Amino acid sequence: MFKHTAAALLATAAAFSGTALPATAAPQEETATAPAVVLGTPQDQAHAHNDYEHDRPLLDALEHGFTSVEADVWLVDGELLVAHDREDVEAGVTLESLYLDPLTELVKGNGRSVYPGWDGEFQLLIDIKSEGEATYAAIEEELAEHRQILTRYTHGETKTGPVAAVISGNRPLETMQSAQQRFGFYDGRASDLDSGVSADLMPLVSNNWTQLFTWQGVGPMPEAERTRLQEYVATAHEQGFRVRFWATPDQAGAARDAVWTELYDAGVDHINTDDLAGLEEFLAARG
């Protein structure tokens, strides 16, 4: 696992103090204090699983055109620390320093968009690893400090911003349902498809691929499973939900490409990967 250092965090901050450039522009000469951020072509279906484990959290995903990133958070002594496991947390490696502050600076420089000229909504998937209620309360406080870039729910109406924060993991459903105002949105599961929950609360439905499908990309996808996938996506879309699966094959090769092709063809909204370059290439080849 990549271990963040103070130098890495300073590099991230410095990158966003420079000029954000589209991939088609020539990058500015980098300096030790303010390297340029060269943004890739945005790919609506590209989701960076455990984004914080890359050498440059958020930055690497942006340079490959990803429009959704995942951060696991632990509430430790009042700080929202980013790490997969509790024993790996480090002071200062926070949700704010790795994601909220850089995204805020980026949106300021790009005309109210994460990518220049892109009218999409960038998804920050926040996976709560510690106790749900206290961690969610801390997340809401921190999101409120970055309200100028965030999609929000206010008294029955969702107002779209450049960045949407979706809460996964130990998310407190009843607390989120009862809130009249919030910045966090609920990441549902397959069992929530017919629950009657509104897309104003649950814009995303995620599920472990292996709980619903047996096919792992070897040989043709069984027709019954292909039909089930297509019906699942159609049902979600009819209710205004986006779809994501985790635990899909992610080792480069024919099996992964076969699964990604079925996900793409079925209209799955977020294809989950650790291989940023691999998914960028796959999606770019499909236009």
Protein backbone atom coordinates (compact mmCIF):
# COMPACT_ATOMS: atom_id res chain seq x y z
CA MET A 1 0.00 0.00 0.00
CA PHE A 2 1.23 3.47 -0.85
CA LYS A 3 2.16 5.39 2.32
CA HIS A 4 1.57 9.13 2.11
CA THR A 5 4.21 11.51 3.38
CA ALA A 6 4.18 15.20 4.18
CA ALA A 7 6.10 15.75 0.94
CA ALA A 8 3.43 13.96 -1.06
CA LEU A 9 0.71 16.10 0.48
CA LEU A 10 2.68 19.26 -0.23
CA ALA A 11 3.10 18.14 -3.84
CA THR A 12 -0.66 17.68 -4.15
CA ALA A 13 -1.31 21.13 -2.75
CA ALA A 14 1.36 22.64 -4.99
CA ALA A 15 -0.12 21.00 -8.06
CA PHE A 16 -3.38 22.82 -7.50
CA SER A 17 -1.71 26.13 -6.85
CA GLY A 18 -0.53 25.99 -10.45
CA THR A 19 -2.63 26.13 -13.60
CA ALA A 20 -4.95 23.26 -14.47
CA LEU A 21 -4.56 22.44 -18.13
CA PRO A 22 -6.67 20.35 -20.52
CA ALA A 23 -4.92 17.33 -22.02
CA THR A 24 -4.81 19.02 -25.41
CA ALA A 25 -2.78 21.97 -24.12
CA ALA A 26 0.97 21.96 -23.75
CA PRO A 27 1.83 21.58 -20.06
CA GLN A 28 3.57 24.46 -18.39
CA GLU A 29 7.13 23.99 -17.24
CA GLU A 30 6.98 22.41 -13.81
CA THR A 31 8.82 23.76 -10.81
CA ALA A 32 9.51 22.19 -7.45
CA THR A 33 6.79 24.29 -5.85
CA ALA A 34 4.00 24.41 -8.39
CA PRO A 35 3.86 21.59 -10.94
CA ALA A 36 1.14 21.90 -13.55
CA VAL A 37 -1.86 19.58 -13.44
CA VAL A 38 -2.58 18.18 -16.89
CA LEU A 39 -6.19 17.02 -16.96
CA GLY A 40 -7.20 14.10 -19.11
CA THR A 41 -10.31 13.83 -21.25
CA PRO A 42 -13.22 13.22 -18.85
CA GLN A 43 -14.70 9.73 -19.05
CA ASP A 44 -18.14 9.60 -17.45
CA GLN A 45 -17.89 5.89 -16.54
CA ALA A 46 -14.42 5.92 -14.97
CA HIS A 47 -14.37 5.28 -11.20
CA ALA A 48 -11.10 5.05 -9.24
CA HIS A 49 -11.48 2.38 -6.57
CA ASN A 50 -9.41 3.15 -3.43
CA ASP A 51 -8.05 6.21 -5.20
CA TYR A 52 -5.91 7.22 -2.21
CA GLU A 53 -3.61 4.23 -2.78
CA HIS A 54 -2.22 5.72 -5.99
CA ASP A 55 1.06 7.64 -5.87
CA ARG A 56 -0.77 10.95 -6.22
CA PRO A 57 -4.31 10.68 -4.84
CA LEU A 58 -6.87 12.48 -7.00
CA LEU A 59 -4.18 13.89 -9.32
CA ASP A 60 -3.48 10.58 -11.05
CA ALA A 61 -7.20 9.96 -11.52
CA LEU A 62 -7.74 13.43 -12.98
CA GLU A 63 -4.88 13.04 -15.41
CA HIS A 64 -6.50 9.84 -16.68
CA GLY A 65 -9.91 11.53 -17.06
CA PHE A 66 -11.66 9.84 -14.14
CA THR A 67 -14.90 11.45 -13.01
CA SER A 68 -15.41 9.47 -9.80
CA VAL A 69 -12.97 8.64 -7.00
CA GLU A 70 -13.30 6.67 -3.78
CA ALA A 71 -11.83 7.60 -0.40
CA ASP A 72 -12.07 5.45 2.73
CA VAL A 73 -12.25 7.54 5.91
CA TRP A 74 -11.75 6.97 9.64
CA LEU A 75 -12.72 9.47 12.32
CA VAL A 76 -9.71 9.62 14.63
CA ASP A 77 -9.41 12.27 17.35
CA GLY A 78 -11.73 14.56 15.43
CA GLU A 79 -9.92 14.20 12.09
CA LEU A 80 -11.26 12.44 8.99
CA LEU A 81 -8.20 10.41 8.01
CA VAL A 82 -7.97 8.57 4.70
CA ALA A 83 -6.78 4.94 4.70
CA HIS A 84 -8.11 1.47 4.00
CA ASP A 85 -7.28 0.07 7.45
CA ARG A 86 -7.23 1.74 10.84
CA GLU A 87 -3.59 0.86 11.46
CA ASP A 88 -2.56 2.70 8.28
CA VAL A 89 -3.95 6.15 9.14
CA GLU A 90 -1.47 9.02 9.27
CA ALA A 91 -1.92 12.43 10.86
CA GLY A 92 -2.58 15.07 8.23
CA VAL A 93 -3.63 12.62 5.51
CA THR A 94 -7.21 13.84 5.57
CA LEU A 95 -10.30 13.95 3.41
CA GLU A 96 -9.88 17.69 3.20
CA SER A 97 -6.19 17.76 2.26
CA LEU A 98 -6.37 14.98 -0.33
CA TYR A 99 -9.75 15.77 -1.90
CA LEU A 100 -11.88 18.68 -0.73
CA ASP A 101 -9.24 21.41 -0.82
CA PRO A 102 -7.79 20.38 -4.22
CA LEU A 103 -11.23 19.98 -5.80
CA THR A 104 -12.23 23.40 -4.51
CA GLU A 105 -9.14 24.99 -6.04
CA LEU A 106 -9.69 23.14 -9.30
CA VAL A 107 -13.32 24.21 -9.63
CA LYS A 108 -12.35 27.83 -8.95
CA GLY A 109 -9.88 27.71 -11.82
CA ASN A 110 -12.08 25.94 -14.35
CA GLY A 111 -15.26 27.98 -14.46
CA ARG A 112 -17.35 25.98 -12.01
CA SER A 113 -16.32 22.60 -13.39
CA VAL A 114 -13.75 19.98 -12.46
CA TYR A 115 -12.76 19.62 -16.13
CA PRO A 116 -12.79 22.74 -18.34
CA GLY A 117 -15.88 22.78 -20.54
CA TRP A 118 -17.28 19.61 -18.98
CA ASP A 119 -20.85 19.86 -17.69
CA GLY A 120 -20.80 16.64 -15.68
CA GLU A 121 -20.91 16.14 -11.92
CA PHE A 122 -17.71 14.79 -10.37
CA GLN A 123 -18.42 12.08 -7.77
CA LEU A 124 -16.50 11.87 -4.51
CA LEU A 125 -17.46 8.51 -2.98
CA ILE A 126 -16.69 8.64 0.74
CA ASP A 127 -16.58 5.16 2.32
CA ILE A 128 -17.09 5.38 6.09
CA LYS A 129 -14.90 2.82 7.86
CA SER A 130 -15.36 3.96 11.46
CA GLU A 131 -18.61 4.26 13.44
CA GLY A 132 -21.30 5.62 11.16
CA GLU A 133 -23.16 8.31 13.07
CA ALA A 134 -20.18 10.24 14.44
CA THR A 135 -18.18 9.92 11.23
CA TYR A 136 -21.07 11.06 9.06
CA ALA A 137 -21.65 14.07 11.33
CA ALA A 138 -17.98 15.02 10.96
CA ILE A 139 -18.20 14.56 7.18
CA GLU A 140 -21.21 16.87 6.96
CA GLU A 141 -19.38 19.55 8.94
CA GLU A 142 -16.41 19.34 6.62
CA LEU A 143 -18.52 19.27 3.47
CA ALA A 144 -20.33 22.38 4.64
CA GLU A 145 -17.00 24.24 4.59
CA HIS A 146 -16.79 23.46 0.86
CA ARG A 147 -20.44 24.09 0.07
CA GLN A 148 -19.58 26.34 -2.86
CA ILE A 149 -18.61 23.33 -5.04
CA LEU A 150 -21.04 20.69 -3.75
CA THR A 151 -24.37 19.29 -4.79
CA ARG A 152 -26.75 19.70 -1.84
CA TYR A 153 -30.20 18.63 -0.69
CA THR A 154 -32.31 21.40 0.84
CA HIS A 155 -35.92 20.98 1.98
CA GLY A 156 -37.01 18.53 -0.68
CA GLU A 157 -34.90 19.84 -3.55
CA THR A 158 -31.51 18.73 -4.87
CA LYS A 159 -29.33 21.54 -6.19
CA THR A 160 -26.55 20.28 -8.43
CA GLY A 161 -22.96 21.47 -8.05
CA PRO A 162 -19.67 20.55 -9.73
CA VAL A 163 -18.95 17.83 -7.11
CA ALA A 164 -21.31 15.34 -5.46
CA ALA A 165 -20.37 13.61 -2.20
CA VAL A 166 -21.88 10.12 -1.96
CA ILE A 167 -21.60 8.27 1.35
CA SER A 168 -20.83 4.55 1.34
CA GLY A 169 -19.73 2.03 3.97
CA ASN A 170 -21.18 2.57 7.46
CA ARG A 171 -23.69 5.16 6.32
CA PRO A 172 -26.52 6.04 8.76
CA LEU A 173 -29.64 5.75 6.61
CA GLU A 174 -32.22 7.04 9.10
CA THR A 175 -30.13 10.10 9.94
CA MET A 176 -29.64 10.90 6.28
CA GLN A 177 -33.32 10.33 5.48
CA SER A 178 -34.51 12.67 8.22
CA ALA A 179 -32.15 15.55 7.38
CA GLN A 180 -33.83 18.58 5.84
CA GLN A 181 -30.47 19.83 4.61
CA ARG A 182 -27.38 17.79 3.77
CA PHE A 183 -24.41 17.55 1.44
CA GLY A 184 -24.01 13.79 1.60
CA PHE A 185 -26.02 11.37 -0.55
CA TYR A 186 -26.62 7.69 0.13
CA ASP A 187 -24.91 4.83 -1.71
CA GLY A 188 -27.55 2.10 -1.92
CA ARG A 189 -27.34 -1.64 -2.55
CA ALA A 190 -29.19 -4.04 -4.85
CA SER A 191 -31.69 -4.70 -2.05
CA ASP A 192 -32.61 -0.98 -2.11
CA LEU A 193 -33.75 -0.98 -5.74
CA ASP A 194 -37.38 -1.58 -4.81
CA SER A 195 -37.30 0.20 -1.43
CA GLY A 196 -39.02 3.36 -2.61
CA VAL A 197 -36.02 5.50 -1.61
CA SER A 198 -35.83 8.63 -3.74
CA ALA A 199 -32.90 9.48 -5.98
CA ASP A 200 -32.72 12.75 -4.02
CA LEU A 201 -31.33 10.61 -1.20
CA MET A 202 -29.87 7.64 -3.11
CA PRO A 203 -28.46 8.65 -6.52
CA LEU A 204 -26.16 5.62 -6.64
CA VAL A 205 -26.68 1.87 -6.18
CA SER A 206 -23.51 -0.18 -5.70
CA ASN A 207 -23.10 -3.91 -5.19
CA ASN A 208 -20.53 -6.67 -5.01
CA TRP A 209 -20.50 -8.21 -8.50
CA THR A 210 -19.99 -11.73 -7.14
CA GLN A 211 -23.19 -11.56 -5.07
CA LEU A 212 -25.28 -11.17 -8.22
CA PHE A 213 -23.28 -12.81 -11.00
CA THR A 214 -21.07 -15.88 -11.34
CA TRP A 215 -19.43 -15.00 -14.65
CA GLN A 216 -15.85 -13.71 -14.34
CA GLY A 217 -15.12 -12.99 -17.98
CA VAL A 218 -14.00 -16.44 -19.13
CA GLY A 219 -15.93 -17.52 -22.20
CA PRO A 220 -19.18 -15.86 -23.27
CA MET A 221 -21.36 -14.30 -20.59
CA PRO A 222 -24.29 -16.64 -19.90
CA GLU A 223 -27.35 -15.21 -21.61
CA ALA A 224 -29.41 -15.41 -18.43
CA GLU A 225 -26.81 -13.33 -16.57
CA ARG A 226 -26.55 -10.81 -19.41
CA THR A 227 -30.32 -10.38 -19.33
CA ARG A 228 -30.25 -10.02 -15.54
CA LEU A 229 -27.54 -7.34 -15.79
CA GLN A 230 -29.44 -5.38 -18.42
CA GLU A 231 -32.69 -5.56 -16.44
CA TYR A 232 -30.90 -4.53 -13.25
CA VAL A 233 -29.43 -1.43 -14.91
CA ALA A 234 -32.72 -0.57 -16.59
CA THR A 235 -34.61 -0.83 -13.29
CA ALA A 236 -32.10 1.44 -11.57
CA HIS A 237 -32.15 4.01 -14.35
CA GLU A 238 -35.94 4.12 -14.40
CA GLN A 239 -35.80 5.33 -10.79
CA GLY A 240 -33.01 7.81 -11.39
CA PHE A 241 -30.22 5.75 -9.81
CA ARG A 242 -26.72 5.33 -11.20
CA VAL A 243 -25.12 1.86 -11.06
CA ARG A 244 -21.71 0.68 -9.85
CA PHE A 245 -20.28 -2.77 -9.08
CA TRP A 246 -17.21 -3.58 -7.05
CA ALA A 247 -15.23 -6.86 -7.01
CA THR A 248 -15.30 -7.19 -10.79
CA PRO A 249 -12.16 -8.77 -12.34
CA ASP A 250 -9.38 -6.18 -12.39
CA GLN A 251 -6.35 -8.08 -13.63
CA ALA A 252 -5.36 -6.85 -17.11
CA GLY A 253 -6.32 -9.35 -19.78
CA ALA A 254 -9.11 -10.81 -21.85
CA ALA A 255 -11.36 -11.70 -18.92
CA ARG A 256 -11.37 -8.17 -17.54
CA ASP A 257 -11.94 -6.69 -20.98
CA ALA A 258 -14.88 -9.03 -21.50
CA VAL A 259 -16.49 -7.98 -18.21
CA TRP A 260 -15.86 -4.29 -18.87
CA THR A 261 -17.42 -4.67 -22.31
CA GLU A 262 -20.60 -6.16 -20.82
CA LEU A 263 -20.74 -3.42 -18.19
CA TYR A 264 -20.25 -0.75 -20.83
CA ASP A 265 -22.83 -2.23 -23.19
CA ALA A 266 -25.37 -2.57 -20.38
CA GLY A 267 -25.00 1.11 -19.47
CA VAL A 268 -23.36 0.68 -16.06
CA ASP A 269 -22.59 4.23 -14.96
CA HIS A 270 -19.34 3.69 -13.04
CA ILE A 271 -16.80 1.02 -13.99
CA ASN A 272 -14.69 0.23 -10.92
CA THR A 273 -10.90 -0.19 -11.23
CA ASP A 274 -7.49 0.26 -9.66
CA ASP A 275 -5.89 0.38 -13.13
CA LEU A 276 -6.34 4.00 -14.18
CA ALA A 277 -4.46 3.77 -17.47
CA GLY A 278 -6.17 0.51 -18.41
CA LEU A 279 -9.70 1.84 -18.02
CA GLU A 280 -8.83 5.14 -19.69
CA GLU A 281 -7.59 3.23 -22.73
CA PHE A 282 -10.64 0.95 -22.73
CA LEU A 283 -13.13 3.84 -22.62
CA ALA A 284 -11.24 6.03 -25.06
CA ALA A 285 -11.37 3.21 -27.62
CA ARG A 286 -15.15 3.31 -27.36
CA GLY A 287 -15.40 7.02 -27.96
